[in-house]
Amino acid sequence: MAIVETIVGAILGSALQVLFEKLASLGLSYAQREGALPFSGISIDQLNKWKKMLDTINAVLDDAEDKQLSGKGPVKLWLDDVRDLAYDMEDLLDEFAIQAAEVKSAAKPSTSKSWVNWKFSCCPRDKSSGSNPNPCSLMPETRVQEINGRLEDIVTRKAQLNLIENAVNRSNNTEKRLPSTSLPESQLFGREMEEAELVELLTGESENSNTTLSVVPIFGMGGVGKTALAQQLYNDSSVHSCFETRAWVCVSDVFDVLDITKTILQSITGSSCAGEDLNSLQVKLKDNLSGKKFLVVLDDIWNEKYEKWTVLLKPFEVGARGSKILITTRNLAVASITGASPYTLKELSLDDCTSLLAFHALGEKNFESHPDFETIGKKIAERCKGLPLAAKMLGGVLRNKRNPDEWEAILNNKMWDLPTEKNDEVLLVLKLSYAHLPSYLKRCFAYCAVFPKDYEIERDELVLLWIAEGFLDGQTAEENNLRLGRSYFDELVSRSFLQQANVDVSKFSMHDLLNDLAKSIAGATCFSSGESQLADTICIGKISWKDHFCECCGGSS
């Protein structure tokens, strides 16, 4: 019964799949054996009708999720109603299945009559809105009619929301960040060591003397400053003087080999390449790079397909020894297809984060000239948890505020509670990471909303909770489930959603802003009475967390 406990957005897709399986299991077996179901109020035709309606809902879930991430309220309400319906349909189907099993076991012809007068004893969760009648008080026929009405209403509203079925290019539905450029930030804080090490990697000779081209991947979570560091390196005087030619490309989430090749060629030659096909572009790029030592920066790569990467690299093999390609990515799988060891970029120290905040809020490198803001400024910087993007965004919010009380108000606000225009850059960065997760990882990530901030957990502990929730469907053997769950966990780590703890390396935690993102995605299905105490009750669906998951709590805490 736990498979729909964290239903929201794309998580609903797996829940609906379970409903499809239950509809098939319940209906077809009895249709084949007796030609009709052993209870009143529902038929094979009715079950097939439900399946068709659920199919139409399932077809638009990806598009609905994207629109919800863009902050479209009516879509969020629609998804909430789909979630609630999934809860109640699963309860009803489970109850029918239990009674059907009893009928089959008893094998008495008169048993079917008992269905007409039977009332369900297992009560689905209460709806706080009170818009639907309490299903526990309804006869089976009435409950079937109620489900019918809600399904038809949801399908009707789906059309009104202009949701797209089987959306393929989902990136068109999400708001885009501005593309990066090669120009550096006016001030970079706390990256002196990293810059020196990467300058050495870029300007030094490759360890493999037989290799003409080397790739240097910078890896880290969204907002940690990978692009800012790459810009600094690109404009470093020692790096600049080391290469005959350079090119910068903001790749982002669409890895189009033709567009990337065209951008590099135009950057090197200064001439337009409009209308040319990939073959002519790659031939020209090869000719222009032949025998030259070059540096190409590919910023913000998401591509995990090895074939696309090898096609892109073809023109670069003719460069002089010492040529480099610098890439930035938040996914270790991207770095792995390059065959190079990633350079992991960690969060800033509190002191450096404080300096960055002061620079964007006050135009100063510290709070010496503004002592009234120093204490509160450090507390705000601490909330950024080392993310330069968050410090820059909050500094911008504070830039025109010269009253300590206004700074105090910002400190007491959650990042997600700030007006959208003030936190949109941080939200876009983190939501983009989420949007690129496969559906099976989205539900596992959203489940982590049950944990308080800074909570550390061991891998197998979290995997067993996922198994208990039914997230690893499709696997029957317990050993296979555990192995599959570990691979899911490792993939979340490789995508920077989970990070190894500093003290106990056997445990992992989630950055505070990613924890906020998980809670934002889980929405109404996740409740927390406090963020710092594990003993506080946090509930998703029917499962209650209070020191550990232990009891049915009816869906609220």
Protein backbone atom coordinates (compact mmCIF):
# COMPACT_ATOMS: atom_id res chain seq x y z
CA MET A 1 0.00 0.00 0.00
CA ALA A 2 3.00 2.29 0.20
CA ILE A 3 3.64 2.69 -3.49
CA VAL A 4 1.83 5.99 -3.76
CA GLU A 5 3.14 7.56 -0.58
CA THR A 6 5.32 10.22 -2.20
CA ILE A 7 3.24 10.81 -5.32
CA VAL A 8 3.86 14.18 -6.91
CA GLY A 9 4.83 15.19 -10.42
CA ALA A 10 6.74 12.44 -12.20
CA ILE A 11 6.45 10.24 -9.09
CA LEU A 12 2.80 9.75 -10.05
CA GLY A 13 3.87 7.86 -13.16
CA SER A 14 5.12 4.87 -11.19
CA ALA A 15 2.02 4.97 -8.97
CA LEU A 16 -0.31 4.87 -11.96
CA GLN A 17 1.65 1.94 -13.34
CA VAL A 18 0.89 0.08 -10.13
CA LEU A 19 -2.80 0.92 -10.53
CA PHE A 20 -2.67 -0.48 -14.08
CA GLU A 21 -1.23 -3.72 -12.75
CA LYS A 22 -3.86 -3.97 -10.03
CA LEU A 23 -6.69 -3.28 -12.46
CA ALA A 24 -5.39 -6.05 -14.72
CA SER A 25 -4.83 -8.49 -11.88
CA LEU A 26 -8.22 -7.91 -10.32
CA GLY A 27 -10.30 -7.75 -13.46
CA LEU A 28 -8.84 -10.15 -15.97
CA SER A 29 -8.40 -13.14 -13.68
CA TYR A 30 -12.04 -13.08 -12.63
CA ALA A 31 -13.27 -12.30 -16.12
CA GLN A 32 -11.49 -15.37 -17.43
CA ARG A 33 -12.71 -17.59 -14.58
CA GLU A 34 -16.31 -16.46 -14.13
CA GLY A 35 -17.05 -13.77 -16.69
CA ALA A 36 -17.89 -11.23 -14.01
CA LEU A 37 -16.50 -9.82 -10.81
CA PRO A 38 -17.94 -11.24 -7.57
CA PHE A 39 -19.26 -7.94 -6.25
CA SER A 40 -21.83 -5.32 -7.13
CA GLY A 41 -21.17 -1.92 -8.63
CA ILE A 42 -18.21 -2.63 -10.92
CA SER A 43 -17.64 -4.58 -14.12
CA ILE A 44 -14.88 -5.52 -16.49
CA ASP A 45 -16.02 -2.69 -18.76
CA GLN A 46 -15.73 -0.29 -15.82
CA LEU A 47 -12.17 -1.42 -15.05
CA ASN A 48 -11.21 -1.00 -18.70
CA LYS A 49 -12.74 2.48 -18.69
CA TRP A 50 -10.67 3.38 -15.62
CA LYS A 51 -7.51 2.11 -17.30
CA LYS A 52 -8.15 4.22 -20.43
CA MET A 53 -8.74 7.34 -18.35
CA LEU A 54 -5.61 6.70 -16.31
CA ASP A 55 -3.70 6.25 -19.57
CA THR A 56 -4.71 9.75 -20.68
CA ILE A 57 -3.61 11.17 -17.33
CA ASN A 58 -0.32 9.28 -17.36
CA ALA A 59 0.47 10.58 -20.85
CA VAL A 60 0.67 14.21 -19.65
CA LEU A 61 2.44 13.75 -16.32
CA ASP A 62 5.87 14.73 -17.65
CA ASP A 63 4.51 17.96 -19.08
CA ALA A 64 2.52 18.64 -15.90
CA GLU A 65 5.65 18.19 -13.80
CA ASP A 66 7.58 20.68 -15.92
CA LYS A 67 4.80 23.25 -15.70
CA GLN A 68 4.57 22.72 -11.94
CA LEU A 69 8.31 23.37 -11.59
CA SER A 70 7.73 26.63 -13.46
CA GLY A 71 5.36 27.70 -10.68
CA LYS A 72 2.00 27.27 -12.45
CA GLY A 73 -0.52 26.95 -9.60
CA PRO A 74 -3.49 25.32 -11.41
CA VAL A 75 -1.23 22.47 -12.56
CA LYS A 76 -0.06 21.93 -8.98
CA LEU A 77 -3.70 21.68 -7.82
CA TRP A 78 -4.43 19.24 -10.64
CA LEU A 79 -1.49 17.04 -9.66
CA ASP A 80 -2.63 17.14 -6.03
CA ASP A 81 -6.07 15.88 -7.08
CA VAL A 82 -4.49 13.12 -9.19
CA ARG A 83 -2.42 12.11 -6.17
CA ASP A 84 -5.46 11.99 -3.88
CA LEU A 85 -7.41 9.98 -6.44
CA ALA A 86 -4.53 7.50 -6.73
CA TYR A 87 -4.61 7.03 -2.95
CA ASP A 88 -8.32 6.27 -2.94
CA MET A 89 -8.30 4.08 -6.05
CA GLU A 90 -5.52 1.98 -4.63
CA ASP A 91 -7.36 1.60 -1.34
CA LEU A 92 -10.53 0.56 -3.16
CA LEU A 93 -8.76 -1.91 -5.45
CA ASP A 94 -6.88 -3.43 -2.53
CA GLU A 95 -10.11 -3.90 -0.62
CA PHE A 96 -11.80 -5.48 -3.64
CA ALA A 97 -8.78 -7.74 -4.13
CA ILE A 98 -8.91 -8.90 -0.50
CA GLN A 99 -12.61 -9.72 -0.76
CA ALA A 100 -12.08 -11.39 -4.13
CA ALA A 101 -9.40 -13.59 -2.59
CA GLU A 102 -11.77 -14.54 0.21
CA VAL A 103 -14.48 -15.39 -2.30
CA LYS A 104 -12.07 -17.52 -4.27
CA SER A 105 -10.93 -19.27 -1.12
CA ALA A 106 -14.44 -19.98 0.11
CA ALA A 107 -15.59 -21.07 -3.38
CA LYS A 108 -19.25 -20.73 -2.41
CA PRO A 109 -21.76 -19.47 -5.02
CA SER A 110 -23.74 -17.52 -2.43
CA THR A 111 -20.72 -15.52 -1.37
CA SER A 112 -21.08 -13.00 -4.18
CA LYS A 113 -24.32 -11.74 -2.67
CA SER A 114 -22.44 -10.55 0.38
CA TRP A 115 -20.71 -7.92 -1.75
CA VAL A 116 -23.92 -5.97 -2.20
CA ASN A 117 -24.33 -5.22 1.49
CA TRP A 118 -20.66 -5.09 2.42
CA LYS A 119 -19.23 -1.88 3.79
CA PHE A 120 -15.49 -1.32 3.83
CA SER A 121 -13.84 -1.32 7.22
CA CYS A 122 -10.50 0.08 6.05
CA CYS A 123 -10.86 3.82 5.74
CA PRO A 124 -8.80 5.90 3.26
CA ARG A 125 -7.18 9.04 4.50
CA ASP A 126 -9.30 12.10 5.25
CA LYS A 127 -9.21 15.01 2.82
CA SER A 128 -8.55 18.27 4.61
CA SER A 129 -10.50 20.19 1.98
CA GLY A 130 -13.66 18.26 2.73
CA SER A 131 -14.65 18.53 -0.93
CA ASN A 132 -15.23 14.76 -1.25
CA PRO A 133 -17.49 12.60 0.90
CA ASN A 134 -15.89 10.24 3.36
CA PRO A 135 -15.46 7.05 1.31
CA CYS A 136 -15.77 4.88 4.44
CA SER A 137 -19.45 5.70 4.66
CA LEU A 138 -20.16 4.64 1.08
CA MET A 139 -21.29 1.31 -0.33
CA PRO A 140 -19.03 -0.20 -3.03
CA GLU A 141 -21.36 0.94 -5.84
CA THR A 142 -21.37 4.51 -4.54
CA ARG A 143 -17.61 4.56 -4.17
CA VAL A 144 -17.20 3.36 -7.74
CA GLN A 145 -19.49 6.16 -8.91
CA GLU A 146 -17.51 8.67 -6.85
CA ILE A 147 -14.23 7.48 -8.43
CA ASN A 148 -15.84 7.77 -11.87
CA GLY A 149 -16.85 11.35 -11.25
CA ARG A 150 -13.43 12.39 -9.97
CA LEU A 151 -11.66 10.67 -12.89
CA GLU A 152 -13.88 12.41 -15.44
CA ASP A 153 -13.32 15.77 -13.74
CA ILE A 154 -9.53 15.31 -13.80
CA VAL A 155 -9.54 14.33 -17.48
CA THR A 156 -11.69 17.38 -18.32
CA ARG A 157 -9.38 19.74 -16.43
CA LYS A 158 -6.38 18.16 -18.15
CA ALA A 159 -7.66 19.50 -21.47
CA GLN A 160 -8.28 22.94 -19.96
CA LEU A 161 -4.67 23.11 -18.71
CA ASN A 162 -3.34 22.47 -22.25
CA LEU A 163 -1.08 19.70 -21.04
CA ILE A 164 0.94 18.02 -23.78
CA GLU A 165 0.80 14.25 -24.14
CA ASN A 166 4.07 12.31 -24.27
CA ALA A 167 6.16 15.48 -24.28
CA VAL A 168 9.57 14.70 -25.80
CA ASN A 169 11.56 17.94 -25.66
CA ARG A 170 10.79 18.79 -22.06
CA SER A 171 13.50 21.45 -21.92
CA ASN A 172 11.19 23.74 -23.92
CA ASN A 173 8.74 23.76 -21.02
CA THR A 174 11.18 24.92 -18.38
CA GLU A 175 12.52 28.39 -17.92
CA LYS A 176 16.06 28.80 -19.22
CA ARG A 177 19.04 30.40 -17.52
CA LEU A 178 21.05 32.94 -19.42
CA PRO A 179 23.91 31.22 -21.25
CA SER A 180 27.34 31.70 -19.73
CA THR A 181 30.03 33.75 -21.44
CA SER A 182 33.81 33.65 -21.18
CA LEU A 183 33.99 36.95 -19.28
CA PRO A 184 34.99 36.46 -15.62
CA GLU A 185 33.23 37.59 -12.45
CA SER A 186 34.39 40.97 -11.14
CA GLN A 187 35.58 39.27 -7.96
CA LEU A 188 36.25 35.63 -7.12
CA PHE A 189 36.55 34.57 -3.48
CA GLY A 190 38.15 31.53 -1.93
CA ARG A 191 39.30 29.73 -5.06
CA GLU A 192 43.02 30.56 -5.01
CA MET A 193 44.12 26.97 -4.35
CA GLU A 194 41.73 25.48 -6.89
CA GLU A 195 42.74 28.02 -9.51
CA ALA A 196 46.44 27.30 -9.03
CA GLU A 197 45.91 23.53 -9.27
CA LEU A 198 43.80 23.81 -12.40
CA VAL A 199 46.21 26.24 -14.06
CA GLU A 200 48.87 23.59 -13.59
CA LEU A 201 46.60 20.93 -15.14
CA LEU A 202 45.89 23.14 -18.14
CA THR A 203 49.37 24.44 -18.80
CA GLY A 204 51.40 21.38 -17.78
CA GLU A 205 52.24 18.47 -20.04
CA SER A 206 49.99 15.43 -19.97
CA GLU A 207 51.14 12.45 -17.94
CA ASN A 208 50.61 10.35 -21.05
CA SER A 209 53.27 11.65 -23.43
CA ASN A 210 51.55 9.89 -26.35
CA THR A 211 48.36 11.91 -25.94
CA THR A 212 47.92 15.08 -27.97
CA LEU A 213 44.61 16.12 -26.42
CA SER A 214 43.68 16.09 -22.72
CA VAL A 215 40.30 16.68 -21.07
CA VAL A 216 39.99 18.40 -17.68
CA PRO A 217 36.53 18.00 -16.11
CA ILE A 218 35.44 20.27 -13.23
CA PHE A 219 32.73 18.49 -11.25
CA GLY A 220 30.44 19.81 -8.51
CA MET A 221 26.84 20.44 -7.51
CA GLY A 222 24.76 23.18 -9.11
CA GLY A 223 25.61 26.65 -7.84
CA VAL A 224 29.02 25.72 -6.41
CA GLY A 225 30.89 28.01 -8.82
CA LYS A 226 32.17 25.74 -11.60
CA THR A 227 31.41 28.23 -14.37
CA ALA A 228 32.90 31.17 -12.43
CA LEU A 229 36.13 29.22 -11.90
CA ALA A 230 36.24 28.16 -15.57
CA GLN A 231 35.83 31.82 -16.60
CA GLN A 232 38.69 32.80 -14.30
CA LEU A 233 40.91 30.10 -15.80
CA TYR A 234 39.98 31.00 -19.36
CA ASN A 235 41.12 34.59 -18.74
CA ASP A 236 44.17 33.77 -16.61
CA SER A 237 47.24 35.37 -18.21
CA SER A 238 49.43 32.26 -17.89
CA VAL A 239 46.70 30.10 -19.44
CA HIS A 240 46.04 32.63 -22.19
CA SER A 241 49.69 32.78 -23.18
CA CYS A 242 49.98 28.98 -23.25
CA PHE A 243 47.53 28.45 -26.11
CA GLU A 244 47.49 29.70 -29.68
CA THR A 245 43.72 29.68 -29.95
CA ARG A 246 40.80 29.45 -27.54
CA ALA A 247 37.02 28.97 -27.69
CA TRP A 248 34.20 29.07 -25.13
CA VAL A 249 30.88 27.25 -25.56
CA CYS A 250 27.92 27.22 -23.16
CA VAL A 251 26.50 23.76 -23.90
CA SER A 252 23.76 23.47 -21.24
CA ASP A 253 21.18 20.69 -21.33
CA VAL A 254 20.97 20.15 -25.11
CA PHE A 255 24.13 18.49 -26.42
CA ASP A 256 23.81 19.35 -30.12
CA VAL A 257 27.06 18.35 -31.83
CA LEU A 258 26.35 20.51 -34.86
CA ASP A 259 25.63 23.66 -32.81
CA ILE A 260 28.64 23.11 -30.55
CA THR A 261 30.94 22.59 -33.54
CA LYS A 262 29.53 25.68 -35.25
CA THR A 263 30.04 27.84 -32.14
CA ILE A 264 33.66 26.71 -31.74
CA LEU A 265 34.43 27.31 -35.41
CA GLN A 266 32.84 30.77 -35.38
CA SER A 267 34.78 31.66 -32.22
CA ILE A 268 38.08 30.65 -33.82
CA THR A 269 37.55 32.08 -37.31
CA GLY A 270 35.30 35.04 -36.49
CA SER A 271 33.11 34.27 -39.49
CA SER A 272 29.53 33.01 -39.76
CA CYS A 273 28.89 29.32 -40.47
CA ALA A 274 25.13 29.51 -40.98
CA GLY A 275 23.52 26.83 -43.11
CA GLU A 276 26.47 24.43 -43.17
CA ASP A 277 26.09 20.75 -42.32
CA LEU A 278 28.09 18.85 -39.72
CA ASN A 279 30.53 17.38 -42.22
CA SER A 280 31.64 20.72 -43.66
CA LEU A 281 31.81 22.27 -40.17
CA GLN A 282 34.01 19.51 -38.79
CA VAL A 283 36.31 19.54 -41.82
CA LYS A 284 36.79 23.32 -41.48
CA LEU A 285 37.32 23.06 -37.72
CA LYS A 286 39.90 20.32 -38.22
CA ASP A 287 41.76 22.47 -40.76
CA ASN A 288 41.76 25.48 -38.42
CA LEU A 289 43.04 23.45 -35.43
CA SER A 290 45.63 21.40 -37.25
CA GLY A 291 49.03 21.73 -35.59
CA LYS A 292 47.83 24.37 -33.14
CA LYS A 293 47.79 24.22 -29.36
CA PHE A 294 44.25 25.12 -28.34
CA LEU A 295 41.98 25.44 -25.31
CA VAL A 296 38.26 24.79 -25.65
CA VAL A 297 35.87 25.26 -22.71
CA LEU A 298 32.59 23.35 -22.79
CA ASP A 299 30.52 24.77 -19.96
CA ASP A 300 27.60 22.98 -18.26
CA ILE A 301 27.55 19.59 -20.01
CA TRP A 302 24.76 17.07 -19.32
CA ASN A 303 25.38 14.57 -22.12
CA GLU A 304 26.00 11.00 -20.96
CA LYS A 305 26.09 9.42 -24.43
CA TYR A 306 29.58 8.26 -25.36
CA GLU A 307 28.81 8.18 -29.10
CA LYS A 308 27.92 11.89 -29.20
CA TRP A 309 31.09 12.73 -27.30
CA THR A 310 33.33 10.82 -29.69
CA VAL A 311 31.69 12.45 -32.73
CA LEU A 312 32.30 15.89 -31.23
CA LEU A 313 35.98 15.09 -30.60
CA LYS A 314 36.87 14.09 -34.17
CA PRO A 315 38.23 17.49 -35.33
CA PHE A 316 40.30 17.98 -32.16
CA GLU A 317 42.72 15.08 -32.64
CA VAL A 318 44.92 17.09 -35.05
CA GLY A 319 45.95 19.78 -32.56
CA ALA A 320 49.44 20.24 -31.14
CA ARG A 321 50.57 18.41 -28.02
CA GLY A 322 49.26 20.01 -24.85
CA SER A 323 45.87 21.00 -26.29
CA LYS A 324 43.12 20.90 -23.67
CA ILE A 325 39.35 20.70 -23.40
CA LEU A 326 38.00 22.01 -20.10
CA ILE A 327 34.46 20.92 -19.21
CA THR A 328 32.16 21.74 -16.30
CA THR A 329 29.45 19.33 -15.16
CA ARG A 330 27.39 18.39 -12.13
CA ASN A 331 27.22 14.72 -13.15
CA LEU A 332 30.10 12.28 -12.68
CA ALA A 333 28.76 10.10 -15.50
CA VAL A 334 29.50 12.97 -17.90
CA ALA A 335 33.08 13.15 -16.68
CA SER A 336 33.48 9.38 -16.95
CA ILE A 337 32.75 9.25 -20.71
CA THR A 338 35.69 11.60 -21.29
CA GLY A 339 38.06 9.09 -19.67
CA ALA A 340 39.58 11.82 -17.49
CA SER A 341 39.70 12.11 -13.71
CA PRO A 342 37.32 14.84 -12.51
CA TYR A 343 38.46 17.79 -10.44
CA THR A 344 35.85 18.02 -7.66
CA LEU A 345 34.91 21.53 -6.61
CA LYS A 346 33.75 21.80 -3.00
CA GLU A 347 31.69 24.48 -1.28
CA LEU A 348 33.27 27.72 -0.08
CA SER A 349 34.40 28.18 3.51
CA LEU A 350 32.16 30.30 5.75
CA ASP A 351 34.69 33.16 5.70
CA ASP A 352 34.84 33.22 1.91
CA CYS A 353 31.05 32.93 1.65
CA THR A 354 30.74 35.87 4.06
CA SER A 355 33.15 37.93 1.95
CA LEU A 356 31.18 37.13 -1.21
CA LEU A 357 27.93 38.12 0.49
CA ALA A 358 29.44 41.41 1.71
CA PHE A 359 30.77 42.18 -1.78
CA HIS A 360 27.37 41.84 -3.44
CA ALA A 361 25.39 43.40 -0.57
CA LEU A 362 27.68 46.29 0.34
CA GLY A 363 30.31 46.51 -2.38
CA GLU A 364 32.99 45.64 0.21
CA LYS A 365 35.15 42.56 0.78
CA ASN A 366 34.21 42.41 4.48
CA PHE A 367 32.00 44.07 7.08
CA GLU A 368 34.68 46.28 8.66
CA SER A 369 33.02 49.46 7.37
CA HIS A 370 29.56 48.20 8.38
CA PRO A 371 29.92 46.66 11.87
CA ASP A 372 26.15 46.78 12.48
CA PHE A 373 25.69 44.15 9.76
CA GLU A 374 28.61 41.85 10.58
CA THR A 375 26.90 39.45 12.98
CA ILE A 376 23.69 39.11 10.98
CA GLY A 377 25.70 38.97 7.73
CA LYS A 378 27.68 35.96 8.95
CA LYS A 379 24.46 34.21 9.96
CA ILE A 380 23.01 34.78 6.50
CA ALA A 381 26.25 33.56 4.88
CA GLU A 382 26.08 30.44 7.03
CA ARG A 383 22.67 29.66 5.57
CA CYS A 384 24.22 29.55 2.10
CA LYS A 385 26.13 26.42 3.13
CA GLY A 386 29.10 27.33 0.95
CA LEU A 387 27.19 27.84 -2.31
CA PRO A 388 28.55 30.95 -4.08
CA LEU A 389 25.38 31.29 -6.17
CA ALA A 390 23.22 31.48 -3.03
CA ALA A 391 25.56 34.04 -1.42
CA LYS A 392 25.51 36.15 -4.58
CA MET A 393 21.72 35.97 -4.83
CA LEU A 394 21.16 36.88 -1.17
CA GLY A 395 23.74 39.67 -1.46
CA GLY A 396 21.73 41.07 -4.35
CA VAL A 397 18.54 40.91 -2.28
CA LEU A 398 20.25 42.84 0.54
CA ARG A 399 21.99 45.38 -1.71
CA ASN A 400 19.49 48.20 -1.16
CA LYS A 401 18.66 47.36 2.45
CA ARG A 402 20.48 49.48 4.99
CA ASN A 403 18.42 48.60 8.06
CA PRO A 404 19.60 45.62 10.19
CA ASP A 405 15.95 44.70 10.77
CA GLU A 406 15.55 44.13 7.02
CA TRP A 407 18.56 41.83 7.07
CA GLU A 408 17.02 39.99 10.03
CA ALA A 409 13.85 39.43 8.03
CA ILE A 410 15.87 37.88 5.19
CA LEU A 411 17.65 35.62 7.67
CA ASN A 412 14.33 34.36 9.02
CA ASN A 413 12.94 33.66 5.54
CA LYS A 414 13.34 30.27 3.90
CA MET A 415 15.06 30.45 0.53
CA TRP A 416 11.88 29.19 -1.13
CA ASP A 417 9.75 31.86 0.57
CA LEU A 418 11.58 34.76 -1.06
CA PRO A 419 9.81 36.42 -4.00
CA THR A 420 10.43 34.46 -7.21
CA GLU A 421 12.26 37.30 -8.95
CA LYS A 422 14.78 37.34 -6.08
CA ASN A 423 15.58 33.64 -5.87
CA ASP A 424 14.89 32.56 -9.45
CA GLU A 425 18.54 31.96 -10.33
CA VAL A 426 19.09 29.53 -7.44
CA LEU A 427 15.77 27.80 -8.13
CA LEU A 428 16.54 27.44 -11.83
CA VAL A 429 19.93 25.88 -11.12
CA LEU A 430 18.60 23.35 -8.63
CA LYS A 431 15.39 22.57 -10.52
CA LEU A 432 17.43 21.93 -13.65
CA SER A 433 19.34 19.25 -11.77
CA TYR A 434 16.06 17.69 -10.69
CA ALA A 435 14.54 17.91 -14.18
CA HIS A 436 17.47 15.86 -15.54
CA LEU A 437 16.91 13.01 -13.10
CA PRO A 438 15.40 9.80 -14.50
CA SER A 439 11.89 9.19 -13.10
CA TYR A 440 13.09 6.32 -10.91
CA LEU A 441 15.54 8.68 -9.19
CA LYS A 442 13.05 11.54 -8.84
CA ARG A 443 10.87 9.62 -6.39
CA CYS A 444 13.93 8.44 -4.44
CA PHE A 445 15.20 12.02 -4.19
CA ALA A 446 11.81 13.48 -3.23
CA TYR A 447 11.54 10.87 -0.50
CA CYS A 448 14.58 12.45 1.19
CA ALA A 449 12.30 15.37 2.12
CA VAL A 450 11.40 13.35 5.22
CA PHE A 451 14.86 13.98 6.68
CA PRO A 452 15.76 17.14 8.64
CA LYS A 453 18.54 19.33 7.34
CA ASP A 454 22.07 18.13 8.12
CA TYR A 455 20.79 14.63 8.89
CA GLU A 456 23.34 11.95 8.01
CA ILE A 457 22.30 8.50 6.85
CA GLU A 458 24.06 5.32 5.74
CA ARG A 459 23.53 4.04 2.24
CA ASP A 460 21.81 0.76 3.11
CA GLU A 461 19.60 2.47 5.69
CA LEU A 462 18.12 4.73 3.03
CA VAL A 463 17.92 1.93 0.47
CA LEU A 464 15.91 -0.24 2.86
CA LEU A 465 13.46 2.64 3.37
CA TRP A 466 13.07 2.93 -0.42
CA ILE A 467 12.41 -0.81 -0.59
CA ALA A 468 9.82 -0.55 2.19
CA GLU A 469 8.07 2.20 0.23
CA GLY A 470 7.94 0.02 -2.90
CA PHE A 471 10.13 2.35 -4.97
CA LEU A 472 12.20 -0.48 -6.40
CA ASP A 473 9.33 -2.15 -8.23
CA GLY A 474 10.08 -4.69 -10.90
CA GLN A 475 12.47 -6.63 -8.70
CA THR A 476 11.26 -9.66 -6.75
CA ALA A 477 14.30 -11.03 -5.02
CA GLU A 478 15.30 -9.10 -1.91
CA GLU A 479 18.98 -9.31 -2.86
CA ASN A 480 18.24 -7.79 -6.28
CA ASN A 481 16.26 -4.98 -4.67
CA LEU A 482 19.15 -4.15 -2.37
CA ARG A 483 21.63 -4.16 -5.25
CA LEU A 484 19.32 -2.00 -7.37
CA GLY A 485 18.76 0.44 -4.50
CA ARG A 486 22.49 0.80 -3.96
CA SER A 487 22.95 1.66 -7.63
CA TYR A 488 20.20 4.30 -7.31
CA PHE A 489 21.93 5.71 -4.24
CA ASP A 490 25.31 5.82 -5.97
CA GLU A 491 23.75 7.60 -8.95
CA LEU A 492 22.31 10.30 -6.69
CA VAL A 493 25.78 10.75 -5.21
CA SER A 494 27.33 10.97 -8.69
CA ARG A 495 24.79 13.67 -9.58
CA SER A 496 25.66 15.69 -6.45
CA PHE A 497 22.26 15.19 -4.77
CA LEU A 498 23.89 13.36 -1.88
CA GLN A 499 27.38 14.01 -0.54
CA GLN A 500 29.69 12.08 1.75
CA ALA A 501 29.79 13.30 5.35
CA ASN A 502 32.96 15.04 6.49
CA VAL A 503 33.46 13.11 9.73
CA ASP A 504 31.85 9.69 9.30
CA VAL A 505 32.62 8.69 5.71
CA SER A 506 30.13 5.80 5.89
CA LYS A 507 27.29 8.32 6.05
CA PHE A 508 25.86 10.78 3.56
CA SER A 509 23.87 14.01 3.76
CA MET A 510 22.08 16.47 1.50
CA HIS A 511 22.87 20.14 1.01
CA ASP A 512 20.33 22.38 2.76
CA LEU A 513 19.10 23.93 -0.48
CA LEU A 514 18.61 20.50 -2.05
CA ASN A 515 16.70 19.51 1.08
CA ASP A 516 14.51 22.58 0.50
CA LEU A 517 14.07 21.50 -3.12
CA ALA A 518 12.99 18.00 -2.07
CA LYS A 519 10.42 19.45 0.33
CA SER A 520 9.21 21.85 -2.36
CA ILE A 521 8.74 18.96 -4.80
CA ALA A 522 7.10 16.68 -2.23
CA GLY A 523 4.70 19.54 -1.53
CA ALA A 524 1.56 18.66 0.38
CA THR A 525 2.60 15.04 0.79
CA CYS A 526 5.41 16.00 3.16
CA PHE A 527 4.93 17.65 6.53
CA SER A 528 7.56 18.59 9.11
CA SER A 529 6.98 20.16 12.50
CA GLY A 530 10.62 21.15 12.70
CA GLU A 531 13.81 20.93 10.66
CA SER A 532 16.42 20.34 13.31
CA GLN A 533 14.93 17.59 15.47
CA LEU A 534 14.77 14.08 14.13
CA ALA A 535 12.11 13.28 16.72
CA ASP A 536 9.68 15.65 15.01
CA THR A 537 7.07 13.78 13.06
CA ILE A 538 7.48 13.98 9.32
CA CYS A 539 4.87 12.24 7.27
CA ILE A 540 4.59 11.23 3.66
CA GLY A 541 1.24 9.65 2.88
CA LYS A 542 0.60 6.90 5.37
CA ILE A 543 4.09 6.47 6.74
CA SER A 544 5.11 8.36 9.87
CA TRP A 545 8.70 9.20 10.71
CA LYS A 546 9.30 9.61 14.42
CA ASP A 547 12.83 8.43 15.19
CA HIS A 548 12.01 5.72 12.63
CA PHE A 549 9.09 4.75 10.43
CA CYS A 550 6.70 2.90 12.61
CA GLU A 551 3.00 3.55 12.32
CA CYS A 552 0.04 4.58 10.22
CA CYS A 553 -0.74 8.20 10.98
CA GLY A 554 -3.48 8.96 8.52
CA GLY A 555 -1.50 11.34 6.36
CA SER A 556 -0.85 14.30 8.68
CA SER A 557 1.53 15.13 11.47
